[in-house]
Amino acid sequence: MAGPIERKVGWATAAAYVASSGLIGVLAGVQGNARVLEPLPDSISPLVLALVPGLLTFAAGWRTRHTPRPDLEGEE
Protein backbone atom coordinates (compact mmCIF):
# COMPACT_ATOMS: atom_id res chain seq x y z
CA MET A 1 0.00 0.00 0.00
CA ALA A 2 1.36 3.40 -0.95
CA GLY A 3 2.01 5.95 1.75
CA PRO A 4 0.97 9.56 1.71
CA ILE A 5 2.49 11.95 -0.78
CA GLU A 6 5.44 13.65 0.81
CA ARG A 7 4.89 17.34 1.54
CA LYS A 8 8.09 18.28 -0.29
CA VAL A 9 6.77 16.74 -3.50
CA GLY A 10 3.37 18.36 -3.11
CA TRP A 11 4.69 21.87 -2.48
CA ALA A 12 7.32 21.64 -5.21
CA THR A 13 4.68 20.46 -7.68
CA ALA A 14 2.32 23.27 -6.70
CA ALA A 15 5.11 25.84 -7.02
CA ALA A 16 6.03 24.52 -10.45
CA TYR A 17 2.43 24.73 -11.62
CA VAL A 18 1.84 28.23 -10.25
CA ALA A 19 5.17 29.53 -11.49
CA SER A 20 4.89 28.08 -14.97
CA SER A 21 1.24 28.88 -15.64
CA GLY A 22 0.42 31.80 -13.39
CA LEU A 23 3.62 33.80 -13.12
CA ILE A 24 4.71 33.37 -16.71
CA GLY A 25 1.20 34.15 -17.91
CA VAL A 26 1.06 37.28 -15.81
CA LEU A 27 4.49 38.41 -16.94
CA ALA A 28 3.63 37.75 -20.55
CA GLY A 29 0.32 39.62 -20.23
CA VAL A 30 1.86 42.54 -18.36
CA GLN A 31 4.79 42.63 -20.73
CA GLY A 32 2.75 44.52 -23.31
CA ASN A 33 1.88 47.32 -20.87
CA ALA A 34 4.36 47.58 -18.01
CA ARG A 35 7.54 46.13 -19.53
CA VAL A 36 8.57 44.13 -16.46
CA LEU A 37 11.64 42.66 -18.14
CA GLU A 38 12.56 45.76 -20.12
CA PRO A 39 15.84 46.42 -18.24
CA LEU A 40 17.15 43.05 -19.43
CA PRO A 41 18.60 42.52 -22.89
CA ASP A 42 16.28 40.73 -25.33
CA SER A 43 18.53 37.68 -25.40
CA ILE A 44 18.35 37.23 -21.60
CA SER A 45 14.60 37.70 -21.07
CA PRO A 46 13.61 34.18 -22.24
CA LEU A 47 16.24 32.68 -19.96
CA VAL A 48 14.86 34.55 -16.97
CA LEU A 49 11.34 33.43 -17.80
CA ALA A 50 12.57 29.84 -18.07
CA LEU A 51 14.55 29.93 -14.83
CA VAL A 52 11.87 31.44 -12.59
CA PRO A 53 9.68 28.30 -12.36
CA GLY A 54 12.69 26.10 -11.67
CA LEU A 55 13.97 28.38 -8.93
CA LEU A 56 10.56 28.63 -7.28
CA THR A 57 10.13 24.85 -7.45
CA PHE A 58 13.54 24.30 -5.90
CA ALA A 59 12.85 26.85 -3.16
CA ALA A 60 9.49 25.29 -2.28
CA GLY A 61 11.00 21.81 -2.07
CA TRP A 62 13.97 23.05 -0.08
CA ARG A 63 11.92 24.96 2.51
CA THR A 64 9.28 22.27 3.10
CA ARG A 65 9.93 19.70 5.82
CA HIS A 66 9.88 15.98 5.11
CA THR A 67 6.71 14.02 5.79
CA PRO A 68 7.23 11.77 8.82
CA ARG A 69 7.29 8.08 7.90
CA PRO A 70 6.45 6.06 11.04
CA ASP A 71 6.41 2.87 8.94
CA LEU A 72 10.17 3.27 8.34
CA GLU A 73 11.26 4.04 11.92
CA GLY A 74 13.82 1.63 13.28
CA GLU A 75 14.85 0.28 9.87
CA GLU A 76 18.54 0.84 9.28
PDB file of N, CA and C in Angstrom:
ATOM      1  N   MET A   1       0.845  -1.181   0.000  1.00  0.00           N
ATOM      2  CA  MET A   1       0.000   0.000   0.000  1.00  0.00           C
ATOM      3  C   MET A   1       0.885   1.237   0.000  1.00  0.00           C
ATOM      4  N   ALA A   2       0.573   2.173  -0.833  1.00  0.00           N
ATOM      5  CA  ALA A   2       1.364   3.396  -0.945  1.00  0.00           C
ATOM      6  C   ALA A   2       1.093   4.316   0.239  1.00  0.00           C
ATOM      7  N   GLY A   3       2.142   4.989   0.662  1.00  0.00           N
ATOM      8  CA  GLY A   3       2.012   5.945   1.755  1.00  0.00           C
ATOM      9  C   GLY A   3       1.523   7.283   1.239  1.00  0.00           C
ATOM     10  N   PRO A   4       1.418   8.243   2.139  1.00  0.00           N
ATOM     11  CA  PRO A   4       0.969   9.561   1.712  1.00  0.00           C
ATOM     12  C   PRO A   4       2.012  10.247   0.843  1.00  0.00           C
ATOM     13  N   ILE A   5       1.558  11.182   0.046  1.00  0.00           N
ATOM     14  CA  ILE A   5       2.488  11.949  -0.783  1.00  0.00           C
ATOM     15  C   ILE A   5       3.293  12.854   0.131  1.00  0.00           C
ATOM     16  N   GLU A   6       4.584  12.835  -0.046  1.00  0.00           N
ATOM     17  CA  GLU A   6       5.440  13.651   0.809  1.00  0.00           C
ATOM     18  C   GLU A   6       5.166  15.126   0.557  1.00  0.00           C
ATOM     19  N   ARG A   7       5.182  15.907   1.643  1.00  0.00           N
ATOM     20  CA  ARG A   7       4.893  17.338   1.541  1.00  0.00           C
ATOM     21  C   ARG A   7       5.847  18.046   0.593  1.00  0.00           C
ATOM     22  N   LYS A   8       7.117  17.648   0.599  1.00  0.00           N
ATOM     23  CA  LYS A   8       8.094  18.281  -0.293  1.00  0.00           C
ATOM     24  C   LYS A   8       7.661  18.157  -1.756  1.00  0.00           C
ATOM     25  N   VAL A   9       7.198  16.986  -2.119  1.00  0.00           N
ATOM     26  CA  VAL A   9       6.771  16.742  -3.497  1.00  0.00           C
ATOM     27  C   VAL A   9       5.526  17.560  -3.811  1.00  0.00           C
ATOM     28  N   GLY A  10       4.603  17.605  -2.888  1.00  0.00           N
ATOM     29  CA  GLY A  10       3.371  18.360  -3.108  1.00  0.00           C
ATOM     30  C   GLY A  10       3.616  19.850  -3.284  1.00  0.00           C
ATOM     31  N   TRP A  11       4.418  20.425  -2.399  1.00  0.00           N
ATOM     32  CA  TRP A  11       4.689  21.865  -2.485  1.00  0.00           C
ATOM     33  C   TRP A  11       5.533  22.200  -3.705  1.00  0.00           C
ATOM     34  N   ALA A  12       6.498  21.374  -4.025  1.00  0.00           N
ATOM     35  CA  ALA A  12       7.319  21.639  -5.209  1.00  0.00           C
ATOM     36  C   ALA A  12       6.476  21.552  -6.481  1.00  0.00           C
ATOM     37  N   THR A  13       5.557  20.590  -6.530  1.00  0.00           N
ATOM     38  CA  THR A  13       4.677  20.460  -7.684  1.00  0.00           C
ATOM     39  C   THR A  13       3.757  21.667  -7.802  1.00  0.00           C
ATOM     40  N   ALA A  14       3.204  22.097  -6.685  1.00  0.00           N
ATOM     41  CA  ALA A  14       2.324  23.269  -6.695  1.00  0.00           C
ATOM     42  C   ALA A  14       3.090  24.517  -7.125  1.00  0.00           C
ATOM     43  N   ALA A  15       4.305  24.678  -6.635  1.00  0.00           N
ATOM     44  CA  ALA A  15       5.113  25.842  -7.018  1.00  0.00           C
ATOM     45  C   ALA A  15       5.437  25.810  -8.506  1.00  0.00           C
ATOM     46  N   ALA A  16       5.734  24.631  -9.022  1.00  0.00           N
ATOM     47  CA  ALA A  16       6.032  24.517 -10.449  1.00  0.00           C
ATOM     48  C   ALA A  16       4.812  24.884 -11.283  1.00  0.00           C
ATOM     49  N   TYR A  17       3.655  24.432 -10.874  1.00  0.00           N
ATOM     50  CA  TYR A  17       2.429  24.733 -11.622  1.00  0.00           C
ATOM     51  C   TYR A  17       2.126  26.224 -11.588  1.00  0.00           C
ATOM     52  N   VAL A  18       2.162  26.803 -10.390  1.00  0.00           N
ATOM     53  CA  VAL A  18       1.841  28.227 -10.253  1.00  0.00           C
ATOM     54  C   VAL A  18       2.867  29.080 -10.993  1.00  0.00           C
ATOM     55  N   ALA A  19       4.126  28.732 -10.852  1.00  0.00           N
ATOM     56  CA  ALA A  19       5.174  29.530 -11.492  1.00  0.00           C
ATOM     57  C   ALA A  19       5.103  29.435 -13.001  1.00  0.00           C
ATOM     58  N   SER A  20       4.869  28.234 -13.516  1.00  0.00           N
ATOM     59  CA  SER A  20       4.889  28.082 -14.969  1.00  0.00           C
ATOM     60  C   SER A  20       3.621  28.612 -15.624  1.00  0.00           C
ATOM     61  N   SER A  21       2.476  28.406 -15.001  1.00  0.00           N
ATOM     62  CA  SER A  21       1.242  28.878 -15.636  1.00  0.00           C
ATOM     63  C   SER A  21       0.873  30.282 -15.188  1.00  0.00           C
ATOM     64  N   GLY A  22       0.864  30.510 -13.902  1.00  0.00           N
ATOM     65  CA  GLY A  22       0.419  31.798 -13.391  1.00  0.00           C
ATOM     66  C   GLY A  22       1.425  32.912 -13.580  1.00  0.00           C
ATOM     67  N   LEU A  23       2.621  32.728 -13.089  1.00  0.00           N
ATOM     68  CA  LEU A  23       3.619  33.797 -13.125  1.00  0.00           C
ATOM     69  C   LEU A  23       4.037  34.136 -14.546  1.00  0.00           C
ATOM     70  N   ILE A  24       4.300  33.128 -15.330  1.00  0.00           N
ATOM     71  CA  ILE A  24       4.711  33.371 -16.711  1.00  0.00           C
ATOM     72  C   ILE A  24       3.564  33.999 -17.497  1.00  0.00           C
ATOM     73  N   GLY A  25       2.345  33.549 -17.245  1.00  0.00           N
ATOM     74  CA  GLY A  25       1.195  34.151 -17.913  1.00  0.00           C
ATOM     75  C   GLY A  25       1.010  35.607 -17.531  1.00  0.00           C
ATOM     76  N   VAL A  26       1.184  35.900 -16.260  1.00  0.00           N
ATOM     77  CA  VAL A  26       1.058  37.284 -15.806  1.00  0.00           C
ATOM     78  C   VAL A  26       2.165  38.139 -16.406  1.00  0.00           C
ATOM     79  N   LEU A  27       3.384  37.644 -16.369  1.00  0.00           N
ATOM     80  CA  LEU A  27       4.489  38.412 -16.937  1.00  0.00           C
ATOM     81  C   LEU A  27       4.302  38.626 -18.435  1.00  0.00           C
ATOM     82  N   ALA A  28       3.837  37.612 -19.108  1.00  0.00           N
ATOM     83  CA  ALA A  28       3.627  37.755 -20.553  1.00  0.00           C
ATOM     84  C   ALA A  28       2.491  38.734 -20.836  1.00  0.00           C
ATOM     85  N   GLY A  29       1.431  38.696 -20.027  1.00  0.00           N
ATOM     86  CA  GLY A  29       0.323  39.618 -20.228  1.00  0.00           C
ATOM     87  C   GLY A  29       0.675  41.048 -19.866  1.00  0.00           C
ATOM     88  N   VAL A  30       1.451  41.204 -18.816  1.00  0.00           N
ATOM     89  CA  VAL A  30       1.855  42.538 -18.361  1.00  0.00           C
ATOM     90  C   VAL A  30       2.941  43.100 -19.267  1.00  0.00           C
ATOM     91  N   GLN A  31       3.658  42.220 -19.906  1.00  0.00           N
ATOM     92  CA  GLN A  31       4.795  42.630 -20.732  1.00  0.00           C
ATOM     93  C   GLN A  31       4.390  43.675 -21.777  1.00  0.00           C
ATOM     94  N   GLY A  32       3.189  43.564 -22.300  1.00  0.00           N
ATOM     95  CA  GLY A  32       2.754  44.520 -23.306  1.00  0.00           C
ATOM     96  C   GLY A  32       2.546  45.921 -22.741  1.00  0.00           C
ATOM     97  N   ASN A  33       2.193  46.014 -21.459  1.00  0.00           N
ATOM     98  CA  ASN A  33       1.884  47.321 -20.872  1.00  0.00           C
ATOM     99  C   ASN A  33       2.992  47.860 -19.979  1.00  0.00           C
ATOM    100  N   ALA A  34       3.458  47.058 -19.036  1.00  0.00           N
ATOM    101  CA  ALA A  34       4.359  47.576 -18.008  1.00  0.00           C
ATOM    102  C   ALA A  34       5.835  47.331 -18.300  1.00  0.00           C
ATOM    103  N   ARG A  35       6.136  46.423 -19.197  1.00  0.00           N
ATOM    104  CA  ARG A  35       7.536  46.132 -19.531  1.00  0.00           C
ATOM    105  C   ARG A  35       8.347  45.723 -18.299  1.00  0.00           C
ATOM    106  N   VAL A  36       7.921  44.624 -17.684  1.00  0.00           N
ATOM    107  CA  VAL A  36       8.571  44.128 -16.464  1.00  0.00           C
ATOM    108  C   VAL A  36      10.022  43.753 -16.724  1.00  0.00           C
ATOM    109  N   LEU A  37      10.283  43.131 -17.837  1.00  0.00           N
ATOM    110  CA  LEU A  37      11.640  42.663 -18.137  1.00  0.00           C
ATOM    111  C   LEU A  37      12.397  43.610 -19.062  1.00  0.00           C
ATOM    112  N   GLU A  38      11.930  44.812 -19.201  1.00  0.00           N
ATOM    113  CA  GLU A  38      12.565  45.756 -20.123  1.00  0.00           C
ATOM    114  C   GLU A  38      14.032  46.052 -19.798  1.00  0.00           C
ATOM    115  N   PRO A  39      14.425  46.126 -18.522  1.00  0.00           N
ATOM    116  CA  PRO A  39      15.843  46.420 -18.238  1.00  0.00           C
ATOM    117  C   PRO A  39      16.805  45.341 -18.738  1.00  0.00           C
ATOM    118  N   LEU A  40      16.301  44.141 -18.972  1.00  0.00           N
ATOM    119  CA  LEU A  40      17.155  43.045 -19.429  1.00  0.00           C
ATOM    120  C   LEU A  40      17.302  43.079 -20.945  1.00  0.00           C
ATOM    121  N   PRO A  41      18.446  42.637 -21.436  1.00  0.00           N
ATOM    122  CA  PRO A  41      18.596  42.518 -22.894  1.00  0.00           C
ATOM    123  C   PRO A  41      17.615  41.482 -23.454  1.00  0.00           C
ATOM    124  N   ASP A  42      17.254  41.639 -24.708  1.00  0.00           N
ATOM    125  CA  ASP A  42      16.283  40.733 -25.328  1.00  0.00           C
ATOM    126  C   ASP A  42      16.742  39.281 -25.329  1.00  0.00           C
ATOM    127  N   SER A  43      18.034  39.055 -25.379  1.00  0.00           N
ATOM    128  CA  SER A  43      18.530  37.680 -25.403  1.00  0.00           C
ATOM    129  C   SER A  43      18.466  37.018 -24.030  1.00  0.00           C
ATOM    130  N   ILE A  44      18.362  37.782 -22.962  1.00  0.00           N
ATOM    131  CA  ILE A  44      18.350  37.228 -21.600  1.00  0.00           C
ATOM    132  C   ILE A  44      16.926  37.024 -21.083  1.00  0.00           C
ATOM    133  N   SER A  45      15.975  37.786 -21.572  1.00  0.00           N
ATOM    134  CA  SER A  45      14.598  37.704 -21.070  1.00  0.00           C
ATOM    135  C   SER A  45      14.019  36.289 -21.134  1.00  0.00           C
ATOM    136  N   PRO A  46      14.152  35.547 -22.226  1.00  0.00           N
ATOM    137  CA  PRO A  46      13.609  34.180 -22.241  1.00  0.00           C
ATOM    138  C   PRO A  46      14.283  33.272 -21.209  1.00  0.00           C
ATOM    139  N   LEU A  47      15.561  33.488 -20.964  1.00  0.00           N
ATOM    140  CA  LEU A  47      16.242  32.676 -19.961  1.00  0.00           C
ATOM    141  C   LEU A  47      15.699  32.945 -18.569  1.00  0.00           C
ATOM    142  N   VAL A  48      15.433  34.203 -18.273  1.00  0.00           N
ATOM    143  CA  VAL A  48      14.864  34.555 -16.970  1.00  0.00           C
ATOM    144  C   VAL A  48      13.488  33.931 -16.822  1.00  0.00           C
ATOM    145  N   LEU A  49      12.673  34.025 -17.854  1.00  0.00           N
ATOM    146  CA  LEU A  49      11.335  33.429 -17.802  1.00  0.00           C
ATOM    147  C   LEU A  49      11.395  31.911 -17.658  1.00  0.00           C
ATOM    148  N   ALA A  50      12.421  31.292 -18.193  1.00  0.00           N
ATOM    149  CA  ALA A  50      12.566  29.840 -18.073  1.00  0.00           C
ATOM    150  C   ALA A  50      13.112  29.440 -16.712  1.00  0.00           C
ATOM    151  N   LEU A  51      13.937  30.268 -16.106  1.00  0.00           N
ATOM    152  CA  LEU A  51      14.550  29.926 -14.826  1.00  0.00           C
ATOM    153  C   LEU A  51      13.642  30.170 -13.627  1.00  0.00           C
ATOM    154  N   VAL A  52      12.724  31.100 -13.730  1.00  0.00           N
ATOM    155  CA  VAL A  52      11.871  31.441 -12.587  1.00  0.00           C
ATOM    156  C   VAL A  52      11.089  30.233 -12.073  1.00  0.00           C
ATOM    157  N   PRO A  53      10.394  29.456 -12.901  1.00  0.00           N
ATOM    158  CA  PRO A  53       9.676  28.296 -12.364  1.00  0.00           C
ATOM    159  C   PRO A  53      10.601  27.275 -11.690  1.00  0.00           C
ATOM    160  N   GLY A  54      11.760  27.049 -12.277  1.00  0.00           N
ATOM    161  CA  GLY A  54      12.692  26.103 -11.668  1.00  0.00           C
ATOM    162  C   GLY A  54      13.200  26.567 -10.314  1.00  0.00           C
ATOM    163  N   LEU A  55      13.499  27.838 -10.205  1.00  0.00           N
ATOM    164  CA  LEU A  55      13.972  28.381  -8.932  1.00  0.00           C
ATOM    165  C   LEU A  55      12.879  28.356  -7.870  1.00  0.00           C
ATOM    166  N   LEU A  56      11.653  28.690  -8.249  1.00  0.00           N
ATOM    167  CA  LEU A  56      10.556  28.633  -7.282  1.00  0.00           C
ATOM    168  C   LEU A  56      10.246  27.203  -6.860  1.00  0.00           C
ATOM    169  N   THR A  57      10.337  26.267  -7.782  1.00  0.00           N
ATOM    170  CA  THR A  57      10.126  24.855  -7.451  1.00  0.00           C
ATOM    171  C   THR A  57      11.197  24.360  -6.492  1.00  0.00           C
ATOM    172  N   PHE A  58      12.446  24.694  -6.781  1.00  0.00           N
ATOM    173  CA  PHE A  58      13.545  24.303  -5.901  1.00  0.00           C
ATOM    174  C   PHE A  58      13.365  24.902  -4.509  1.00  0.00           C
ATOM    175  N   ALA A  59      13.016  26.192  -4.449  1.00  0.00           N
ATOM    176  CA  ALA A  59      12.853  26.852  -3.156  1.00  0.00           C
ATOM    177  C   ALA A  59      11.718  26.234  -2.347  1.00  0.00           C
ATOM    178  N   ALA A  60      10.607  25.900  -2.998  1.00  0.00           N
ATOM    179  CA  ALA A  60       9.489  25.286  -2.284  1.00  0.00           C
ATOM    180  C   ALA A  60       9.871  23.911  -1.743  1.00  0.00           C
ATOM    181  N   GLY A  61      10.558  23.118  -2.534  1.00  0.00           N
ATOM    182  CA  GLY A  61      10.999  21.807  -2.067  1.00  0.00           C
ATOM    183  C   GLY A  61      12.047  21.899  -0.979  1.00  0.00           C
ATOM    184  N   TRP A  62      12.902  22.872  -1.062  1.00  0.00           N
ATOM    185  CA  TRP A  62      13.973  23.048  -0.075  1.00  0.00           C
ATOM    186  C   TRP A  62      13.411  23.468   1.278  1.00  0.00           C
ATOM    187  N   ARG A  63      12.447  24.390   1.266  1.00  0.00           N
ATOM    188  CA  ARG A  63      11.921  24.956   2.506  1.00  0.00           C
ATOM    189  C   ARG A  63      10.922  24.047   3.218  1.00  0.00           C
ATOM    190  N   THR A  64      10.303  23.122   2.505  1.00  0.00           N
ATOM    191  CA  THR A  64       9.280  22.269   3.102  1.00  0.00           C
ATOM    192  C   THR A  64       9.933  21.113   3.848  1.00  0.00           C
ATOM    193  N   ARG A  65       9.395  20.814   5.021  1.00  0.00           N
ATOM    194  CA  ARG A  65       9.929  19.704   5.817  1.00  0.00           C
ATOM    195  C   ARG A  65       9.475  18.363   5.246  1.00  0.00           C
ATOM    196  N   HIS A  66      10.233  17.330   5.548  1.00  0.00           N
ATOM    197  CA  HIS A  66       9.875  15.984   5.113  1.00  0.00           C
ATOM    198  C   HIS A  66       8.618  15.514   5.827  1.00  0.00           C
ATOM    199  N   THR A  67       7.862  14.659   5.171  1.00  0.00           N
ATOM    200  CA  THR A  67       6.711  14.018   5.789  1.00  0.00           C
ATOM    201  C   THR A  67       7.219  12.893   6.679  1.00  0.00           C
ATOM    202  N   PRO A  68       6.795  12.856   7.945  1.00  0.00           N
ATOM    203  CA  PRO A  68       7.231  11.767   8.820  1.00  0.00           C
ATOM    204  C   PRO A  68       6.758  10.414   8.284  1.00  0.00           C
ATOM    205  N   ARG A  69       7.627   9.426   8.364  1.00  0.00           N
ATOM    206  CA  ARG A  69       7.295   8.081   7.897  1.00  0.00           C
ATOM    207  C   ARG A  69       7.420   7.105   9.056  1.00  0.00           C
ATOM    208  N   PRO A  70       6.363   6.964   9.880  1.00  0.00           N
ATOM    209  CA  PRO A  70       6.446   6.055  11.037  1.00  0.00           C
ATOM    210  C   PRO A  70       6.634   4.599  10.624  1.00  0.00           C
ATOM    211  N   ASP A  71       6.255   4.251   9.397  1.00  0.00           N
ATOM    212  CA  ASP A  71       6.415   2.867   8.944  1.00  0.00           C
ATOM    213  C   ASP A  71       7.874   2.528   8.679  1.00  0.00           C
ATOM    214  N   LEU A  72       8.759   3.521   8.593  1.00  0.00           N
ATOM    215  CA  LEU A  72      10.174   3.270   8.342  1.00  0.00           C
ATOM    216  C   LEU A  72      11.054   3.451   9.566  1.00  0.00           C
ATOM    217  N   GLU A  73      10.459   3.831  10.718  1.00  0.00           N
ATOM    218  CA  GLU A  73      11.265   4.039  11.919  1.00  0.00           C
ATOM    219  C   GLU A  73      11.870   2.727  12.389  1.00  0.00           C
ATOM    220  N   GLY A  74      13.119   2.800  12.764  1.00  0.00           N
ATOM    221  CA  GLY A  74      13.816   1.629  13.281  1.00  0.00           C
ATOM    222  C   GLY A  74      14.431   0.759  12.215  1.00  0.00           C
ATOM    223  N   GLU A  75      14.250   1.064  10.957  1.00  0.00           N
ATOM    224  CA  GLU A  75      14.846   0.282   9.873  1.00  0.00           C
ATOM    225  C   GLU A  75      16.150   0.928   9.438  1.00  0.00           C
ATOM    226  N   GLU A  76      17.238   0.326   9.735  1.00  0.00           N
ATOM    227  CA  GLU A  76      18.539   0.836   9.281  1.00  0.00           C
ATOM    228  C   GLU A  76      19.512  -0.276   9.161  1.00  0.00           C
TER     229      GLU A  76
END
